[in-house]
Structures are given as C-alpha cells and as structure tokens.
C-alpha cells in the first residue's frame, strides 16, 4: 500500500468488556489491493484475552478473507457497510458459542 496516496477512512478501538476489544482500520486506495476488486484496504479484528479470535482483512495477494480462530475462508466484499455488519454479526456468534469464557 502506498501511504502517500491512501486515505484513512476509519481507525477505531472499541473496548467491549474486560479482556475484549475490537480494532477497525479501513483505508481508501487509488487502486485495488492485489486480489481484491474494490478500492479499500481493511483489517477488522476481535481480540479476546490478547488472542485475535476473529479477523476480516484483504491482505495483498490473498484478497478478501475471514479468519475465525485458526480457520481462513474467502469473504465476498460488497460494501464497507456490509463488511462491518458481517463482522459484528460474527462477533455475536463467537460470543454466543464461547459464552462460558
């Protein structure tokens, strides 16, 4: 990513509870990251007790994908709004599945 031409759209850390936080970083780019079809570079991470348990990103060459604990799967990016909605939905799912933690 060329930082001189990228525009930071969002950089935010949300503390959800003791030991749980969300990091959201989204850049708008002049051209797509290799492997993606859109003009955004993003990283949305959910961290529990210092372990990233959920992450959406579009690493150059890999394109858009999601990490659910140790499993990586492709992600179909349609918009920033939908990305955020899907990510927040997955946080709720993760918390439901791990409510005993």
PDB file of N, CA and C in Angstrom:
ATOM      1  N   UNK A   1       0.849  -1.172   0.000  1.00  0.00           N
ATOM      2  CA  UNK A   1       0.000   0.000   0.000  1.00  0.00           C
ATOM      3  C   UNK A   1       0.894   1.235   0.000  1.00  0.00           C
ATOM      4  N   UNK A   2       0.600   2.162  -0.861  1.00  0.00           N
ATOM      5  CA  UNK A   2       1.338   3.410  -0.920  1.00  0.00           C
ATOM      6  C   UNK A   2       0.675   4.406   0.029  1.00  0.00           C
ATOM      7  N   UNK A   3       1.303   4.661   1.176  1.00  0.00           N
ATOM      8  CA  UNK A   3       0.709   5.518   2.204  1.00  0.00           C
ATOM      9  C   UNK A   3       0.530   6.954   1.766  1.00  0.00           C
ATOM     10  N   UNK A   4       1.254   7.403   0.753  1.00  0.00           N
ATOM     11  CA  UNK A   4       1.122   8.794   0.336  1.00  0.00           C
ATOM     12  C   UNK A   4      -0.163   9.042  -0.433  1.00  0.00           C
ATOM     13  N   UNK A   5      -0.762   7.997  -0.997  1.00  0.00           N
ATOM     14  CA  UNK A   5      -1.994   8.182  -1.753  1.00  0.00           C
ATOM     15  C   UNK A   5      -3.199   7.507  -1.112  1.00  0.00           C
ATOM     16  N   UNK A   6      -3.009   6.771  -0.049  1.00  0.00           N
ATOM     17  CA  UNK A   6      -4.121   6.133   0.663  1.00  0.00           C
ATOM     18  C   UNK A   6      -4.752   7.130   1.620  1.00  0.00           C
ATOM     19  N   UNK A   7      -6.071   7.025   1.787  1.00  0.00           N
ATOM     20  CA  UNK A   7      -6.805   7.903   2.702  1.00  0.00           C
ATOM     21  C   UNK A   7      -7.396   7.058   3.820  1.00  0.00           C
ATOM     22  N   UNK A   8      -7.044   7.396   5.053  1.00  0.00           N
ATOM     23  CA  UNK A   8      -7.591   6.672   6.199  1.00  0.00           C
ATOM     24  C   UNK A   8      -9.069   7.031   6.347  1.00  0.00           C
ATOM     25  N   UNK A   9      -9.913   6.023   6.314  1.00  0.00           N
ATOM     26  CA  UNK A   9     -11.367   6.203   6.464  1.00  0.00           C
ATOM     27  C   UNK A   9     -11.768   6.020   7.929  1.00  0.00           C
ATOM     28  N   UNK A  10     -11.184   4.997   8.572  1.00  0.00           N
ATOM     29  CA  UNK A  10     -11.575   4.659   9.945  1.00  0.00           C
ATOM     30  C   UNK A  10     -10.421   3.995  10.670  1.00  0.00           C
ATOM     31  N   UNK A  11     -10.150   4.447  11.863  1.00  0.00           N
ATOM     32  CA  UNK A  11      -9.237   3.753  12.787  1.00  0.00           C
ATOM     33  C   UNK A  11      -9.851   3.911  14.165  1.00  0.00           C
ATOM     34  N   UNK A  12     -10.286   2.788  14.713  1.00  0.00           N
ATOM     35  CA  UNK A  12     -11.036   2.838  15.960  1.00  0.00           C
ATOM     36  C   UNK A  12     -10.769   1.585  16.782  1.00  0.00           C
ATOM     37  N   UNK A  13     -10.667   1.750  18.084  1.00  0.00           N
ATOM     38  CA  UNK A  13     -10.597   0.626  19.012  1.00  0.00           C
ATOM     39  C   UNK A  13     -11.784   0.754  19.955  1.00  0.00           C
ATOM     40  N   UNK A  14     -12.569  -0.316  20.021  1.00  0.00           N
ATOM     41  CA  UNK A  14     -13.735  -0.344  20.891  1.00  0.00           C
ATOM     42  C   UNK A  14     -13.505  -1.384  21.974  1.00  0.00           C
ATOM     43  N   UNK A  15     -13.576  -0.960  23.219  1.00  0.00           N
ATOM     44  CA  UNK A  15     -13.458  -1.880  24.354  1.00  0.00           C
ATOM     45  C   UNK A  15     -14.859  -2.402  24.646  1.00  0.00           C
ATOM     46  N   UNK A  16     -15.040  -3.714  24.495  1.00  0.00           N
ATOM     47  CA  UNK A  16     -16.365  -4.304  24.692  1.00  0.00           C
ATOM     48  C   UNK A  16     -16.576  -4.799  26.115  1.00  0.00           C
ATOM     49  N   UNK A  17     -15.517  -5.292  26.724  1.00  0.00           N
ATOM     50  CA  UNK A  17     -15.567  -5.811  28.091  1.00  0.00           C
ATOM     51  C   UNK A  17     -14.119  -6.005  28.535  1.00  0.00           C
ATOM     52  N   UNK A  18     -13.929  -6.348  29.782  1.00  0.00           N
ATOM     53  CA  UNK A  18     -12.571  -6.616  30.256  1.00  0.00           C
ATOM     54  C   UNK A  18     -11.994  -7.761  29.434  1.00  0.00           C
ATOM     55  N   UNK A  19     -10.861  -7.516  28.804  1.00  0.00           N
ATOM     56  CA  UNK A  19     -10.189  -8.529  28.014  1.00  0.00           C
ATOM     57  C   UNK A  19     -10.731  -8.707  26.596  1.00  0.00           C
ATOM     58  N   UNK A  20     -11.681  -7.857  26.168  1.00  0.00           N
ATOM     59  CA  UNK A  20     -12.271  -7.980  24.831  1.00  0.00           C
ATOM     60  C   UNK A  20     -12.319  -6.617  24.154  1.00  0.00           C
ATOM     61  N   UNK A  21     -11.734  -6.556  22.954  1.00  0.00           N
ATOM     62  CA  UNK A  21     -11.814  -5.311  22.196  1.00  0.00           C
ATOM     63  C   UNK A  21     -11.873  -5.585  20.697  1.00  0.00           C
ATOM     64  N   UNK A  22     -12.287  -4.566  19.971  1.00  0.00           N
ATOM     65  CA  UNK A  22     -12.389  -4.609  18.517  1.00  0.00           C
ATOM     66  C   UNK A  22     -11.484  -3.524  17.955  1.00  0.00           C
ATOM     67  N   UNK A  23     -10.693  -3.866  16.942  1.00  0.00           N
ATOM     68  CA  UNK A  23      -9.892  -2.897  16.197  1.00  0.00           C
ATOM     69  C   UNK A  23     -10.434  -2.827  14.780  1.00  0.00           C
ATOM     70  N   UNK A  24     -10.742  -1.624  14.329  1.00  0.00           N
ATOM     71  CA  UNK A  24     -11.260  -1.401  12.980  1.00  0.00           C
ATOM     72  C   UNK A  24     -10.334  -0.430  12.257  1.00  0.00           C
ATOM     73  N   UNK A  25      -9.796  -0.844  11.106  1.00  0.00           N
ATOM     74  CA  UNK A  25      -8.932   0.016  10.300  1.00  0.00           C
ATOM     75  C   UNK A  25      -9.351  -0.149   8.842  1.00  0.00           C
ATOM     76  N   UNK A  26      -9.703   0.976   8.196  1.00  0.00           N
ATOM     77  CA  UNK A  26     -10.113   0.948   6.788  1.00  0.00           C
ATOM     78  C   UNK A  26      -9.447   2.110   6.061  1.00  0.00           C
ATOM     79  N   UNK A  27      -8.810   1.802   4.939  1.00  0.00           N
ATOM     80  CA  UNK A  27      -8.171   2.781   4.075  1.00  0.00           C
ATOM     81  C   UNK A  27      -8.871   2.785   2.720  1.00  0.00           C
ATOM     82  N   UNK A  28      -8.975   3.939   2.087  1.00  0.00           N
ATOM     83  CA  UNK A  28      -9.416   4.006   0.696  1.00  0.00           C
ATOM     84  C   UNK A  28      -8.167   4.187  -0.151  1.00  0.00           C
ATOM     85  N   UNK A  29      -8.068   3.402  -1.218  1.00  0.00           N
ATOM     86  CA  UNK A  29      -6.877   3.366  -2.056  1.00  0.00           C
ATOM     87  C   UNK A  29      -7.178   3.870  -3.464  1.00  0.00           C
ATOM     88  N   UNK A  30      -6.168   4.347  -4.162  1.00  0.00           N
ATOM     89  CA  UNK A  30      -6.380   4.768  -5.554  1.00  0.00           C
ATOM     90  C   UNK A  30      -6.597   3.582  -6.491  1.00  0.00           C
ATOM     91  N   UNK A  31      -6.114   2.401  -6.117  1.00  0.00           N
ATOM     92  CA  UNK A  31      -6.331   1.192  -6.916  1.00  0.00           C
ATOM     93  C   UNK A  31      -6.477   0.002  -5.972  1.00  0.00           C
ATOM     94  N   UNK A  32      -7.147  -1.064  -6.407  1.00  0.00           N
ATOM     95  CA  UNK A  32      -7.393  -2.211  -5.519  1.00  0.00           C
ATOM     96  C   UNK A  32      -6.103  -2.893  -5.073  1.00  0.00           C
ATOM     97  N   UNK A  33      -6.159  -3.472  -3.894  1.00  0.00           N
ATOM     98  CA  UNK A  33      -5.101  -4.345  -3.396  1.00  0.00           C
ATOM     99  C   UNK A  33      -5.105  -5.588  -4.287  1.00  0.00           C
ATOM    100  N   UNK A  34      -3.940  -6.088  -4.623  1.00  0.00           N
ATOM    101  CA  UNK A  34      -3.854  -7.296  -5.454  1.00  0.00           C
ATOM    102  C   UNK A  34      -4.687  -8.415  -4.826  1.00  0.00           C
ATOM    103  N   UNK A  35      -5.626  -8.942  -5.604  1.00  0.00           N
ATOM    104  CA  UNK A  35      -6.525  -9.995  -5.124  1.00  0.00           C
ATOM    105  C   UNK A  35      -7.916  -9.497  -4.769  1.00  0.00           C
ATOM    106  N   UNK A  36      -8.111  -8.174  -4.703  1.00  0.00           N
ATOM    107  CA  UNK A  36      -9.416  -7.583  -4.403  1.00  0.00           C
ATOM    108  C   UNK A  36      -9.907  -6.785  -5.609  1.00  0.00           C
ATOM    109  N   UNK A  37     -11.220  -6.564  -5.684  1.00  0.00           N
ATOM    110  CA  UNK A  37     -11.824  -5.844  -6.797  1.00  0.00           C
ATOM    111  C   UNK A  37     -12.262  -4.430  -6.427  1.00  0.00           C
ATOM    112  N   UNK A  38     -12.077  -4.029  -5.187  1.00  0.00           N
ATOM    113  CA  UNK A  38     -12.548  -2.731  -4.692  1.00  0.00           C
ATOM    114  C   UNK A  38     -11.358  -1.880  -4.261  1.00  0.00           C
ATOM    115  N   UNK A  39     -11.608  -0.633  -3.914  1.00  0.00           N
ATOM    116  CA  UNK A  39     -10.549   0.320  -3.582  1.00  0.00           C
ATOM    117  C   UNK A  39     -10.388   0.522  -2.076  1.00  0.00           C
ATOM    118  N   UNK A  40     -10.479  -0.541  -1.299  1.00  0.00           N
ATOM    119  CA  UNK A  40     -10.322  -0.454   0.148  1.00  0.00           C
ATOM    120  C   UNK A  40      -9.299  -1.467   0.630  1.00  0.00           C
ATOM    121  N   UNK A  41      -8.586  -1.083   1.657  1.00  0.00           N
ATOM    122  CA  UNK A  41      -7.707  -1.977   2.406  1.00  0.00           C
ATOM    123  C   UNK A  41      -8.249  -1.947   3.819  1.00  0.00           C
ATOM    124  N   UNK A  42      -8.512  -3.113   4.402  1.00  0.00           N
ATOM    125  CA  UNK A  42      -9.145  -3.124   5.719  1.00  0.00           C
ATOM    126  C   UNK A  42      -8.597  -4.241   6.601  1.00  0.00           C
ATOM    127  N   UNK A  43      -8.779  -4.024   7.888  1.00  0.00           N
ATOM    128  CA  UNK A  43      -8.470  -5.029   8.908  1.00  0.00           C
ATOM    129  C   UNK A  43      -9.443  -4.799  10.062  1.00  0.00           C
ATOM    130  N   UNK A  44     -10.303  -5.737  10.297  1.00  0.00           N
ATOM    131  CA  UNK A  44     -11.246  -5.681  11.405  1.00  0.00           C
ATOM    132  C   UNK A  44     -10.941  -6.883  12.285  1.00  0.00           C
ATOM    133  N   UNK A  45     -10.608  -6.643  13.531  1.00  0.00           N
ATOM    134  CA  UNK A  45     -10.162  -7.725  14.415  1.00  0.00           C
ATOM    135  C   UNK A  45     -10.920  -7.702  15.735  1.00  0.00           C
ATOM    136  N   UNK A  46     -11.261  -8.893  16.201  1.00  0.00           N
ATOM    137  CA  UNK A  46     -11.855  -9.071  17.517  1.00  0.00           C
ATOM    138  C   UNK A  46     -10.842  -9.832  18.357  1.00  0.00           C
ATOM    139  N   UNK A  47     -10.440  -9.226  19.474  1.00  0.00           N
ATOM    140  CA  UNK A  47      -9.382  -9.769  20.323  1.00  0.00           C
ATOM    141  C   UNK A  47      -9.956 -10.092  21.700  1.00  0.00           C
ATOM    142  N   UNK A  48      -9.728 -11.331  22.135  1.00  0.00           N
ATOM    143  CA  UNK A  48     -10.215 -11.794  23.435  1.00  0.00           C
ATOM    144  C   UNK A  48      -9.015 -12.295  24.223  1.00  0.00           C
ATOM    145  N   UNK A  49      -8.775 -11.696  25.382  1.00  0.00           N
ATOM    146  CA  UNK A  49      -7.650 -12.076  26.242  1.00  0.00           C
ATOM    147  C   UNK A  49      -6.339 -12.127  25.455  1.00  0.00           C
ATOM    148  N   UNK A  50      -6.098 -11.074  24.671  1.00  0.00           N
ATOM    149  CA  UNK A  50      -4.868 -10.896  23.879  1.00  0.00           C
ATOM    150  C   UNK A  50      -4.712 -11.886  22.724  1.00  0.00           C
ATOM    151  N   UNK A  51      -5.782 -12.584  22.335  1.00  0.00           N
ATOM    152  CA  UNK A  51      -5.749 -13.508  21.201  1.00  0.00           C
ATOM    153  C   UNK A  51      -6.764 -13.026  20.168  1.00  0.00           C
ATOM    154  N   UNK A  52      -6.321 -12.856  18.929  1.00  0.00           N
ATOM    155  CA  UNK A  52      -7.231 -12.474  17.851  1.00  0.00           C
ATOM    156  C   UNK A  52      -8.041 -13.715  17.466  1.00  0.00           C
ATOM    157  N   UNK A  53      -9.338 -13.696  17.783  1.00  0.00           N
ATOM    158  CA  UNK A  53     -10.184 -14.857  17.529  1.00  0.00           C
ATOM    159  C   UNK A  53     -11.001 -14.712  16.249  1.00  0.00           C
ATOM    160  N   UNK A  54     -11.098 -13.479  15.727  1.00  0.00           N
ATOM    161  CA  UNK A  54     -11.860 -13.204  14.519  1.00  0.00           C
ATOM    162  C   UNK A  54     -11.218 -12.020  13.810  1.00  0.00           C
ATOM    163  N   UNK A  55     -10.991 -12.177  12.488  1.00  0.00           N
ATOM    164  CA  UNK A  55     -10.417 -11.060  11.727  1.00  0.00           C
ATOM    165  C   UNK A  55     -10.902 -11.131  10.287  1.00  0.00           C
ATOM    166  N   UNK A  56     -11.274  -9.980   9.779  1.00  0.00           N
ATOM    167  CA  UNK A  56     -11.571  -9.809   8.358  1.00  0.00           C
ATOM    168  C   UNK A  56     -10.467  -8.916   7.808  1.00  0.00           C
ATOM    169  N   UNK A  57      -9.874  -9.312   6.682  1.00  0.00           N
ATOM    170  CA  UNK A  57      -8.868  -8.452   6.047  1.00  0.00           C
ATOM    171  C   UNK A  57      -8.736  -8.798   4.577  1.00  0.00           C
ATOM    172  N   UNK A  58      -7.949  -7.999   3.879  1.00  0.00           N
ATOM    173  CA  UNK A  58      -7.691  -8.256   2.463  1.00  0.00           C
ATOM    174  C   UNK A  58      -6.211  -8.038   2.181  1.00  0.00           C
ATOM    175  N   UNK A  59      -5.450  -8.931   2.702  1.00  0.00           N
ATOM    176  CA  UNK A  59      -4.001  -8.944   2.520  1.00  0.00           C
ATOM    177  C   UNK A  59      -3.667  -9.049   1.030  1.00  0.00           C
ATOM    178  N   UNK A  60      -2.682  -8.272   0.592  1.00  0.00           N
ATOM    179  CA  UNK A  60      -2.279  -8.276  -0.818  1.00  0.00           C
ATOM    180  C   UNK A  60      -1.951  -9.697  -1.274  1.00  0.00           C
ATOM    181  N   UNK A  61      -2.527 -10.094  -2.402  1.00  0.00           N
ATOM    182  CA  UNK A  61      -2.303 -11.426  -2.951  1.00  0.00           C
ATOM    183  C   UNK A  61      -3.311 -12.452  -2.483  1.00  0.00           C
ATOM    184  N   UNK A  62      -3.890 -12.272  -1.304  1.00  0.00           N
ATOM    185  CA  UNK A  62      -4.880 -13.215  -0.782  1.00  0.00           C
ATOM    186  C   UNK A  62      -6.304 -12.759  -1.079  1.00  0.00           C
ATOM    187  N   UNK A  63      -6.485 -11.467  -1.248  1.00  0.00           N
ATOM    188  CA  UNK A  63      -7.831 -10.936  -1.455  1.00  0.00           C
ATOM    189  C   UNK A  63      -8.615 -10.902  -0.157  1.00  0.00           C
ATOM    190  N   UNK A  64      -9.913 -10.757  -0.284  1.00  0.00           N
ATOM    191  CA  UNK A  64     -10.801 -10.622   0.870  1.00  0.00           C
ATOM    192  C   UNK A  64     -10.999 -11.983   1.537  1.00  0.00           C
ATOM    193  N   UNK A  65     -10.804 -12.022   2.856  1.00  0.00           N
ATOM    194  CA  UNK A  65     -10.980 -13.271   3.584  1.00  0.00           C
ATOM    195  C   UNK A  65     -11.249 -13.010   5.060  1.00  0.00           C
ATOM    196  N   UNK A  66     -11.653 -14.093   5.731  1.00  0.00           N
ATOM    197  CA  UNK A  66     -12.008 -14.029   7.148  1.00  0.00           C
ATOM    198  C   UNK A  66     -11.227 -15.102   7.889  1.00  0.00           C
ATOM    199  N   UNK A  67     -10.756 -14.749   9.072  1.00  0.00           N
ATOM    200  CA  UNK A  67     -10.109 -15.700   9.975  1.00  0.00           C
ATOM    201  C   UNK A  67     -11.061 -15.912  11.152  1.00  0.00           C
ATOM    202  N   UNK A  68     -11.486 -17.135  11.343  1.00  0.00           N
ATOM    203  CA  UNK A  68     -12.297 -17.500  12.514  1.00  0.00           C
ATOM    204  C   UNK A  68     -11.410 -18.431  13.316  1.00  0.00           C
ATOM    205  N   UNK A  69     -10.823 -17.913  14.390  1.00  0.00           N
ATOM    206  CA  UNK A  69      -9.790 -18.589  15.153  1.00  0.00           C
ATOM    207  C   UNK A  69      -8.674 -19.008  14.186  1.00  0.00           C
ATOM    208  N   UNK A  70      -8.448 -20.273  13.956  1.00  0.00           N
ATOM    209  CA  UNK A  70      -7.336 -20.711  13.106  1.00  0.00           C
ATOM    210  C   UNK A  70      -7.751 -21.007  11.661  1.00  0.00           C
ATOM    211  N   UNK A  71      -9.021 -20.843  11.333  1.00  0.00           N
ATOM    212  CA  UNK A  71      -9.522 -21.206  10.001  1.00  0.00           C
ATOM    213  C   UNK A  71      -9.701 -19.948   9.149  1.00  0.00           C
ATOM    214  N   UNK A  72      -9.137 -19.973   7.933  1.00  0.00           N
ATOM    215  CA  UNK A  72      -9.250 -18.861   6.991  1.00  0.00           C
ATOM    216  C   UNK A  72     -10.184 -19.261   5.857  1.00  0.00           C
ATOM    217  N   UNK A  73     -11.171 -18.399   5.564  1.00  0.00           N
ATOM    218  CA  UNK A  73     -12.117 -18.659   4.481  1.00  0.00           C
ATOM    219  C   UNK A  73     -12.261 -17.403   3.628  1.00  0.00           C
ATOM    220  N   UNK A  74     -12.597 -17.555   2.347  1.00  0.00           N
ATOM    221  CA  UNK A  74     -12.821 -16.384   1.496  1.00  0.00           C
ATOM    222  C   UNK A  74     -14.007 -15.570   1.996  1.00  0.00           C
ATOM    223  N   UNK A  75     -13.974 -14.268   1.725  1.00  0.00           N
ATOM    224  CA  UNK A  75     -15.080 -13.376   2.080  1.00  0.00           C
ATOM    225  C   UNK A  75     -15.476 -12.600   0.832  1.00  0.00           C
ATOM    226  N   UNK A  76     -16.769 -12.537   0.555  1.00  0.00           N
ATOM    227  CA  UNK A  76     -17.257 -11.759  -0.583  1.00  0.00           C
ATOM    228  C   UNK A  76     -17.539 -10.338  -0.125  1.00  0.00           C
ATOM    229  N   UNK A  77     -16.675  -9.408  -0.511  1.00  0.00           N
ATOM    230  CA  UNK A  77     -16.833  -7.994  -0.154  1.00  0.00           C
ATOM    231  C   UNK A  77     -17.838  -7.357  -1.099  1.00  0.00           C
ATOM    232  N   UNK A  78     -18.851  -6.664  -0.528  1.00  0.00           N
ATOM    233  CA  UNK A  78     -19.805  -5.924  -1.356  1.00  0.00           C
ATOM    234  C   UNK A  78     -19.808  -4.437  -1.027  1.00  0.00           C
ATOM    235  N   UNK A  79     -19.587  -4.093   0.248  1.00  0.00           N
ATOM    236  CA  UNK A  79     -19.540  -2.688   0.665  1.00  0.00           C
ATOM    237  C   UNK A  79     -18.937  -2.604   2.066  1.00  0.00           C
ATOM    238  N   UNK A  80     -18.500  -1.408   2.428  1.00  0.00           N
ATOM    239  CA  UNK A  80     -17.973  -1.185   3.785  1.00  0.00           C
ATOM    240  C   UNK A  80     -19.066  -1.442   4.821  1.00  0.00           C
ATOM    241  N   UNK A  81     -20.273  -0.977   4.550  1.00  0.00           N
ATOM    242  CA  UNK A  81     -21.383  -1.195   5.483  1.00  0.00           C
ATOM    243  C   UNK A  81     -21.670  -2.665   5.710  1.00  0.00           C
ATOM    244  N   UNK A  82     -21.689  -3.441   4.634  1.00  0.00           N
ATOM    245  CA  UNK A  82     -21.947  -4.875   4.757  1.00  0.00           C
ATOM    246  C   UNK A  82     -20.793  -5.579   5.464  1.00  0.00           C
ATOM    247  N   UNK A  83     -19.566  -5.153   5.186  1.00  0.00           N
ATOM    248  CA  UNK A  83     -18.392  -5.707   5.864  1.00  0.00           C
ATOM    249  C   UNK A  83     -18.525  -5.539   7.376  1.00  0.00           C
ATOM    250  N   UNK A  84     -18.840  -4.339   7.789  1.00  0.00           N
ATOM    251  CA  UNK A  84     -18.981  -4.056   9.225  1.00  0.00           C
ATOM    252  C   UNK A  84     -20.130  -4.867   9.831  1.00  0.00           C
ATOM    253  N   UNK A  85     -21.245  -4.948   9.109  1.00  0.00           N
ATOM    254  CA  UNK A  85     -22.393  -5.724   9.600  1.00  0.00           C
ATOM    255  C   UNK A  85     -22.042  -7.204   9.743  1.00  0.00           C
ATOM    256  N   UNK A  86     -21.369  -7.769   8.757  1.00  0.00           N
ATOM    257  CA  UNK A  86     -20.965  -9.184   8.820  1.00  0.00           C
ATOM    258  C   UNK A  86     -19.999  -9.432   9.973  1.00  0.00           C
ATOM    259  N   UNK A  87     -19.063  -8.514  10.154  1.00  0.00           N
ATOM    260  CA  UNK A  87     -18.083  -8.637  11.235  1.00  0.00           C
ATOM    261  C   UNK A  87     -18.772  -8.595  12.599  1.00  0.00           C
ATOM    262  N   UNK A  88     -19.667  -7.628  12.812  1.00  0.00           N
ATOM    263  CA  UNK A  88     -20.369  -7.515  14.092  1.00  0.00           C
ATOM    264  C   UNK A  88     -21.263  -8.729  14.341  1.00  0.00           C
ATOM    265  N   UNK A  89     -21.872  -9.258  13.282  1.00  0.00           N
ATOM    266  CA  UNK A  89     -22.668 -10.484  13.408  1.00  0.00           C
ATOM    267  C   UNK A  89     -21.793 -11.646  13.877  1.00  0.00           C
ATOM    268  N   UNK A  90     -20.604 -11.767  13.289  1.00  0.00           N
ATOM    269  CA  UNK A  90     -19.697 -12.850  13.678  1.00  0.00           C
ATOM    270  C   UNK A  90     -19.206 -12.694  15.111  1.00  0.00           C
ATOM    271  N   UNK A  91     -19.021 -11.473  15.571  1.00  0.00           N
ATOM    272  CA  UNK A  91     -18.649 -11.264  16.980  1.00  0.00           C
ATOM    273  C   UNK A  91     -19.752 -11.808  17.885  1.00  0.00           C
ATOM    274  N   UNK A  92     -20.995 -11.500  17.558  1.00  0.00           N
ATOM    275  CA  UNK A  92     -22.120 -12.009  18.355  1.00  0.00           C
ATOM    276  C   UNK A  92     -22.140 -13.537  18.340  1.00  0.00           C
ATOM    277  N   UNK A  93     -21.910 -14.128  17.168  1.00  0.00           N
ATOM    278  CA  UNK A  93     -21.872 -15.588  17.054  1.00  0.00           C
ATOM    279  C   UNK A  93     -20.745 -16.183  17.899  1.00  0.00           C
ATOM    280  N   UNK A  94     -19.558 -15.579  17.801  1.00  0.00           N
ATOM    281  CA  UNK A  94     -18.414 -16.070  18.560  1.00  0.00           C
ATOM    282  C   UNK A  94     -18.718 -15.997  20.056  1.00  0.00           C
ATOM    283  N   UNK A  95     -19.253 -14.849  20.510  1.00  0.00           N
ATOM    284  CA  UNK A  95     -19.575 -14.687  21.928  1.00  0.00           C
ATOM    285  C   UNK A  95     -20.623 -15.697  22.384  1.00  0.00           C
ATOM    286  N   UNK A  96     -21.605 -15.983  21.535  1.00  0.00           N
ATOM    287  CA  UNK A  96     -22.624 -16.971  21.881  1.00  0.00           C
ATOM    288  C   UNK A  96     -22.004 -18.358  22.021  1.00  0.00           C
ATOM    289  N   UNK A  97     -21.138 -18.722  21.065  1.00  0.00           N
ATOM    290  CA  UNK A  97     -20.504 -20.053  21.100  1.00  0.00           C
ATOM    291  C   UNK A  97     -19.511 -20.200  22.253  1.00  0.00           C
ATOM    292  N   UNK A  98     -18.976 -19.092  22.737  1.00  0.00           N
ATOM    293  CA  UNK A  98     -17.958 -19.131  23.790  1.00  0.00           C
ATOM    294  C   UNK A  98     -18.447 -18.386  25.051  1.00  0.00           C
ATOM    295  N   UNK A  99     -19.720 -18.461  25.321  1.00  0.00           N
ATOM    296  CA  UNK A  99     -20.295 -17.704  26.444  1.00  0.00           C
ATOM    297  C   UNK A  99     -19.797 -18.185  27.798  1.00  0.00           C
ATOM    298  N   UNK A 100     -19.156 -19.323  27.848  1.00  0.00           N
ATOM    299  CA  UNK A 100     -18.627 -19.838  29.115  1.00  0.00           C
ATOM    300  C   UNK A 100     -17.267 -19.210  29.468  1.00  0.00           C
ATOM    301  N   UNK A 101     -16.678 -18.450  28.547  1.00  0.00           N
ATOM    302  CA  UNK A 101     -15.368 -17.819  28.822  1.00  0.00           C
ATOM    303  C   UNK A 101     -15.536 -16.543  29.624  1.00  0.00           C
TER     304      UNK A 101
END
